[in-house]
Amino acid sequence: RDAVVVCGCGDVGKGVLAAAGATAVAFTTRGDEAAKTDDARMRYGDGANPSVLRASGVTAPAAIFVTYRDHARGVAACARHRAAFPATRLFARALTRSEDAA
C-alpha cells in the first residue's frame, strides 16, 4: 500500500496530514497554501482526481481523507475515489449531521 492521501489542505486537512505521519501526502489546488510550507508531503494538484494521485506515484492508497469544506465537492471526490480505488478506506469531512448521512 502507498501513502495515506489527504485531499484539501485547510485546517482540517493539515491536521489529518500531521496525524497521519511520514507516509502521508496531501494535495491542494491552492498554490499559496502549498507555498506556505516546507513540508515535502504537500503537492499542488487536484486531489479529487485519481489520475493526479497516480501521476504523483500513489497507485494503491492506504487510505484517502477528503477534507473539503464544500459538501458537493467532497461527495464528488469520494465518488471518483471509490470508483478508482474500491479497496481503499475512504474518510470524508462532514459539517452537519445531514452531510454525515449522505
N, C-alpha and C. Protein backbone atom coordinates (compact mmCIF):
# COMPACT_ATOMS: atom_id res chain seq x y z
N ARG A 1 0.84 -1.20 0.00
CA ARG A 1 0.00 0.00 0.00
C ARG A 1 0.87 1.25 0.00
N ASP A 2 0.38 2.27 -0.71
CA ASP A 2 1.08 3.55 -0.79
C ASP A 2 0.71 4.43 0.40
N ALA A 3 0.91 5.68 0.22
CA ALA A 3 0.69 6.68 1.25
C ALA A 3 -0.77 6.86 1.62
N VAL A 4 -0.98 7.46 2.78
CA VAL A 4 -2.29 7.98 3.16
C VAL A 4 -2.44 9.29 2.38
N VAL A 5 -3.57 9.48 1.71
CA VAL A 5 -3.80 10.67 0.89
C VAL A 5 -4.76 11.60 1.61
N VAL A 6 -4.43 12.88 1.62
CA VAL A 6 -5.30 13.92 2.18
C VAL A 6 -5.67 14.86 1.05
N CYS A 7 -6.95 14.99 0.78
CA CYS A 7 -7.45 15.90 -0.26
C CYS A 7 -7.95 17.16 0.42
N GLY A 8 -7.24 18.24 0.21
CA GLY A 8 -7.57 19.51 0.84
C GLY A 8 -6.60 19.82 1.95
N CYS A 9 -6.12 21.04 1.97
CA CYS A 9 -5.10 21.41 2.95
C CYS A 9 -5.46 22.63 3.76
N GLY A 10 -6.75 22.73 4.10
CA GLY A 10 -7.16 23.76 5.05
C GLY A 10 -6.79 23.28 6.45
N ASP A 11 -7.41 23.83 7.46
CA ASP A 11 -7.08 23.46 8.83
C ASP A 11 -7.30 21.97 9.10
N VAL A 12 -8.43 21.43 8.62
CA VAL A 12 -8.72 20.01 8.85
C VAL A 12 -7.71 19.14 8.10
N GLY A 13 -7.46 19.45 6.85
CA GLY A 13 -6.51 18.68 6.06
C GLY A 13 -5.12 18.69 6.65
N LYS A 14 -4.68 19.85 7.12
CA LYS A 14 -3.35 19.95 7.74
C LYS A 14 -3.29 19.14 9.03
N GLY A 15 -4.39 19.12 9.77
CA GLY A 15 -4.44 18.32 10.99
C GLY A 15 -4.35 16.83 10.70
N VAL A 16 -5.07 16.39 9.67
CA VAL A 16 -5.00 14.98 9.27
C VAL A 16 -3.60 14.65 8.78
N LEU A 17 -3.02 15.53 7.99
CA LEU A 17 -1.66 15.30 7.48
C LEU A 17 -0.67 15.15 8.63
N ALA A 18 -0.78 16.00 9.64
CA ALA A 18 0.12 15.93 10.79
C ALA A 18 -0.06 14.63 11.56
N ALA A 19 -1.30 14.20 11.72
CA ALA A 19 -1.58 12.98 12.48
C ALA A 19 -1.22 11.72 11.70
N ALA A 20 -1.27 11.79 10.38
CA ALA A 20 -1.06 10.60 9.56
C ALA A 20 0.41 10.18 9.48
N GLY A 21 1.31 11.09 9.75
CA GLY A 21 2.72 10.71 9.78
C GLY A 21 3.46 10.83 8.47
N ALA A 22 4.62 10.23 8.44
CA ALA A 22 5.56 10.41 7.34
C ALA A 22 5.09 9.83 6.02
N THR A 23 4.20 8.86 6.04
CA THR A 23 3.78 8.23 4.79
C THR A 23 2.60 8.94 4.14
N ALA A 24 2.16 10.03 4.71
CA ALA A 24 1.01 10.76 4.16
C ALA A 24 1.46 11.74 3.09
N VAL A 25 0.56 12.05 2.18
CA VAL A 25 0.77 13.06 1.16
C VAL A 25 -0.53 13.84 1.01
N ALA A 26 -0.42 15.15 0.87
CA ALA A 26 -1.60 16.00 0.77
C ALA A 26 -1.61 16.73 -0.57
N PHE A 27 -2.81 16.97 -1.09
CA PHE A 27 -2.97 17.65 -2.36
C PHE A 27 -3.80 18.90 -2.14
N THR A 28 -3.37 20.01 -2.74
CA THR A 28 -4.11 21.25 -2.69
C THR A 28 -4.13 21.89 -4.06
N THR A 29 -5.20 22.57 -4.38
CA THR A 29 -5.26 23.32 -5.63
C THR A 29 -4.94 24.78 -5.38
N ARG A 30 -4.70 25.11 -4.12
CA ARG A 30 -4.35 26.49 -3.75
C ARG A 30 -2.84 26.60 -3.69
N GLY A 31 -2.26 27.19 -4.71
CA GLY A 31 -0.81 27.33 -4.77
C GLY A 31 -0.24 28.09 -3.58
N ASP A 32 -1.01 29.05 -3.05
CA ASP A 32 -0.50 29.82 -1.92
C ASP A 32 -0.35 28.94 -0.68
N GLU A 33 -1.25 27.98 -0.49
CA GLU A 33 -1.15 27.07 0.65
C GLU A 33 0.09 26.18 0.52
N ALA A 34 0.31 25.66 -0.68
CA ALA A 34 1.47 24.80 -0.90
C ALA A 34 2.76 25.58 -0.70
N ALA A 35 2.74 26.86 -1.06
CA ALA A 35 3.94 27.67 -0.94
C ALA A 35 4.25 28.07 0.50
N LYS A 36 3.27 28.00 1.39
CA LYS A 36 3.45 28.42 2.78
C LYS A 36 4.17 27.40 3.64
N THR A 37 4.45 26.24 3.12
CA THR A 37 5.03 25.19 3.94
C THR A 37 6.28 24.61 3.32
N ASP A 38 7.16 24.13 4.15
CA ASP A 38 8.34 23.41 3.68
C ASP A 38 8.07 21.92 3.62
N ASP A 39 6.87 21.52 3.97
CA ASP A 39 6.52 20.11 4.05
C ASP A 39 6.57 19.47 2.67
N ALA A 40 7.48 18.55 2.48
CA ALA A 40 7.65 17.89 1.19
C ALA A 40 6.47 16.99 0.84
N ARG A 41 5.61 16.73 1.83
CA ARG A 41 4.45 15.87 1.57
C ARG A 41 3.33 16.63 0.88
N MET A 42 3.42 17.95 0.80
CA MET A 42 2.39 18.79 0.19
C MET A 42 2.59 18.83 -1.33
N ARG A 43 1.53 18.52 -2.07
CA ARG A 43 1.58 18.53 -3.54
C ARG A 43 0.56 19.53 -4.07
N TYR A 44 0.89 20.17 -5.18
CA TYR A 44 -0.05 21.05 -5.84
C TYR A 44 -0.75 20.24 -6.92
N GLY A 45 -2.06 20.14 -6.84
CA GLY A 45 -2.84 19.41 -7.84
C GLY A 45 -4.20 19.07 -7.29
N ASP A 46 -5.08 18.64 -8.16
CA ASP A 46 -6.46 18.32 -7.80
C ASP A 46 -6.52 16.94 -7.16
N GLY A 47 -6.51 16.89 -5.85
CA GLY A 47 -6.56 15.62 -5.13
C GLY A 47 -7.84 14.84 -5.34
N ALA A 48 -8.87 15.48 -5.87
CA ALA A 48 -10.13 14.79 -6.15
C ALA A 48 -10.05 13.97 -7.43
N ASN A 49 -8.97 14.13 -8.17
CA ASN A 49 -8.80 13.44 -9.44
C ASN A 49 -7.85 12.26 -9.26
N PRO A 50 -8.35 11.03 -9.36
CA PRO A 50 -7.49 9.86 -9.18
C PRO A 50 -6.28 9.84 -10.11
N SER A 51 -6.40 10.43 -11.30
CA SER A 51 -5.26 10.48 -12.22
C SER A 51 -4.12 11.30 -11.66
N VAL A 52 -4.44 12.35 -10.92
CA VAL A 52 -3.41 13.18 -10.29
C VAL A 52 -2.67 12.37 -9.23
N LEU A 53 -3.41 11.59 -8.45
CA LEU A 53 -2.77 10.74 -7.44
C LEU A 53 -1.83 9.75 -8.10
N ARG A 54 -2.32 9.10 -9.15
CA ARG A 54 -1.49 8.11 -9.85
C ARG A 54 -0.24 8.75 -10.45
N ALA A 55 -0.40 9.94 -11.04
CA ALA A 55 0.74 10.64 -11.65
C ALA A 55 1.80 11.01 -10.61
N SER A 56 1.37 11.19 -9.36
CA SER A 56 2.32 11.53 -8.30
C SER A 56 2.94 10.27 -7.68
N GLY A 57 2.55 9.10 -8.18
CA GLY A 57 3.13 7.86 -7.69
C GLY A 57 2.27 7.09 -6.70
N VAL A 58 1.08 7.60 -6.41
CA VAL A 58 0.16 6.91 -5.49
C VAL A 58 -0.77 6.03 -6.31
N THR A 59 -0.51 4.73 -6.30
CA THR A 59 -1.32 3.81 -7.11
C THR A 59 -2.25 2.95 -6.27
N ALA A 60 -1.92 2.77 -5.00
CA ALA A 60 -2.74 1.97 -4.08
C ALA A 60 -2.74 2.64 -2.72
N PRO A 61 -3.53 3.71 -2.55
CA PRO A 61 -3.51 4.45 -1.29
C PRO A 61 -3.91 3.57 -0.10
N ALA A 62 -3.24 3.78 1.02
CA ALA A 62 -3.60 3.07 2.26
C ALA A 62 -4.95 3.56 2.76
N ALA A 63 -5.21 4.84 2.60
CA ALA A 63 -6.48 5.48 2.97
C ALA A 63 -6.55 6.82 2.26
N ILE A 64 -7.77 7.32 2.07
CA ILE A 64 -7.97 8.64 1.49
C ILE A 64 -8.88 9.43 2.42
N PHE A 65 -8.42 10.62 2.80
CA PHE A 65 -9.20 11.54 3.62
C PHE A 65 -9.61 12.72 2.74
N VAL A 66 -10.90 12.94 2.57
CA VAL A 66 -11.42 14.07 1.80
C VAL A 66 -11.86 15.12 2.81
N THR A 67 -11.15 16.24 2.84
CA THR A 67 -11.38 17.24 3.89
C THR A 67 -11.94 18.56 3.35
N TYR A 68 -12.50 18.54 2.15
CA TYR A 68 -13.05 19.76 1.58
C TYR A 68 -14.21 20.29 2.42
N ARG A 69 -14.27 21.59 2.57
CA ARG A 69 -15.36 22.21 3.33
C ARG A 69 -16.67 22.16 2.54
N ASP A 70 -16.58 22.28 1.23
CA ASP A 70 -17.77 22.27 0.38
C ASP A 70 -18.29 20.84 0.23
N HIS A 71 -19.52 20.62 0.68
CA HIS A 71 -20.10 19.27 0.70
C HIS A 71 -20.17 18.64 -0.69
N ALA A 72 -20.67 19.37 -1.67
CA ALA A 72 -20.82 18.82 -3.02
C ALA A 72 -19.46 18.42 -3.60
N ARG A 73 -18.47 19.23 -3.36
CA ARG A 73 -17.12 18.91 -3.84
C ARG A 73 -16.59 17.64 -3.17
N GLY A 74 -16.86 17.51 -1.88
CA GLY A 74 -16.43 16.32 -1.15
C GLY A 74 -17.13 15.05 -1.63
N VAL A 75 -18.43 15.14 -1.86
CA VAL A 75 -19.20 13.99 -2.34
C VAL A 75 -18.68 13.56 -3.73
N ALA A 76 -18.42 14.53 -4.60
CA ALA A 76 -17.91 14.21 -5.93
C ALA A 76 -16.53 13.55 -5.85
N ALA A 77 -15.67 14.08 -4.98
CA ALA A 77 -14.33 13.49 -4.81
C ALA A 77 -14.43 12.06 -4.28
N CYS A 78 -15.30 11.84 -3.33
CA CYS A 78 -15.48 10.49 -2.77
C CYS A 78 -15.96 9.52 -3.84
N ALA A 79 -16.88 9.95 -4.69
CA ALA A 79 -17.39 9.07 -5.75
C ALA A 79 -16.28 8.70 -6.72
N ARG A 80 -15.45 9.67 -7.09
CA ARG A 80 -14.35 9.38 -8.01
C ARG A 80 -13.33 8.44 -7.40
N HIS A 81 -13.00 8.68 -6.13
CA HIS A 81 -12.01 7.82 -5.47
C HIS A 81 -12.56 6.42 -5.20
N ARG A 82 -13.83 6.31 -4.88
CA ARG A 82 -14.42 4.99 -4.65
C ARG A 82 -14.38 4.17 -5.94
N ALA A 83 -14.66 4.82 -7.06
CA ALA A 83 -14.62 4.12 -8.35
C ALA A 83 -13.19 3.72 -8.73
N ALA A 84 -12.23 4.59 -8.45
CA ALA A 84 -10.85 4.34 -8.85
C ALA A 84 -10.10 3.41 -7.90
N PHE A 85 -10.43 3.47 -6.61
CA PHE A 85 -9.72 2.70 -5.59
C PHE A 85 -10.73 1.97 -4.69
N PRO A 86 -11.45 0.99 -5.20
CA PRO A 86 -12.54 0.36 -4.44
C PRO A 86 -12.12 -0.32 -3.15
N ALA A 87 -10.88 -0.73 -3.02
CA ALA A 87 -10.44 -1.43 -1.81
C ALA A 87 -9.85 -0.48 -0.76
N THR A 88 -9.76 0.79 -1.07
CA THR A 88 -9.14 1.77 -0.17
C THR A 88 -10.15 2.32 0.83
N ARG A 89 -9.72 2.45 2.08
CA ARG A 89 -10.59 3.07 3.10
C ARG A 89 -10.71 4.55 2.78
N LEU A 90 -11.95 5.05 2.82
CA LEU A 90 -12.26 6.42 2.43
C LEU A 90 -12.94 7.13 3.59
N PHE A 91 -12.41 8.30 3.95
CA PHE A 91 -12.97 9.10 5.04
C PHE A 91 -13.30 10.48 4.50
N ALA A 92 -14.44 11.04 4.91
CA ALA A 92 -14.86 12.34 4.40
C ALA A 92 -15.29 13.25 5.54
N ARG A 93 -15.00 14.51 5.37
CA ARG A 93 -15.40 15.54 6.33
C ARG A 93 -16.88 15.83 6.18
N ALA A 94 -17.56 16.01 7.31
CA ALA A 94 -18.97 16.42 7.32
C ALA A 94 -19.12 17.56 8.31
N LEU A 95 -19.85 18.59 7.92
CA LEU A 95 -20.06 19.74 8.80
C LEU A 95 -21.36 19.64 9.58
N THR A 96 -22.31 18.85 9.06
CA THR A 96 -23.60 18.72 9.71
C THR A 96 -24.00 17.25 9.75
N ARG A 97 -24.99 16.92 10.55
CA ARG A 97 -25.48 15.54 10.61
C ARG A 97 -26.07 15.10 9.28
N SER A 98 -26.73 16.01 8.57
CA SER A 98 -27.30 15.63 7.28
C SER A 98 -26.20 15.33 6.26
N GLU A 99 -25.09 16.04 6.31
CA GLU A 99 -23.97 15.72 5.43
C GLU A 99 -23.35 14.38 5.83
N ASP A 100 -23.31 14.09 7.10
CA ASP A 100 -22.76 12.83 7.58
C ASP A 100 -23.57 11.65 7.05
N ALA A 101 -24.87 11.84 6.89
CA ALA A 101 -25.74 10.76 6.43
C ALA A 101 -25.67 10.57 4.91
N ALA A 102 -25.11 11.54 4.20
CA ALA A 102 -25.06 11.48 2.73
C ALA A 102 -24.05 10.48 2.24
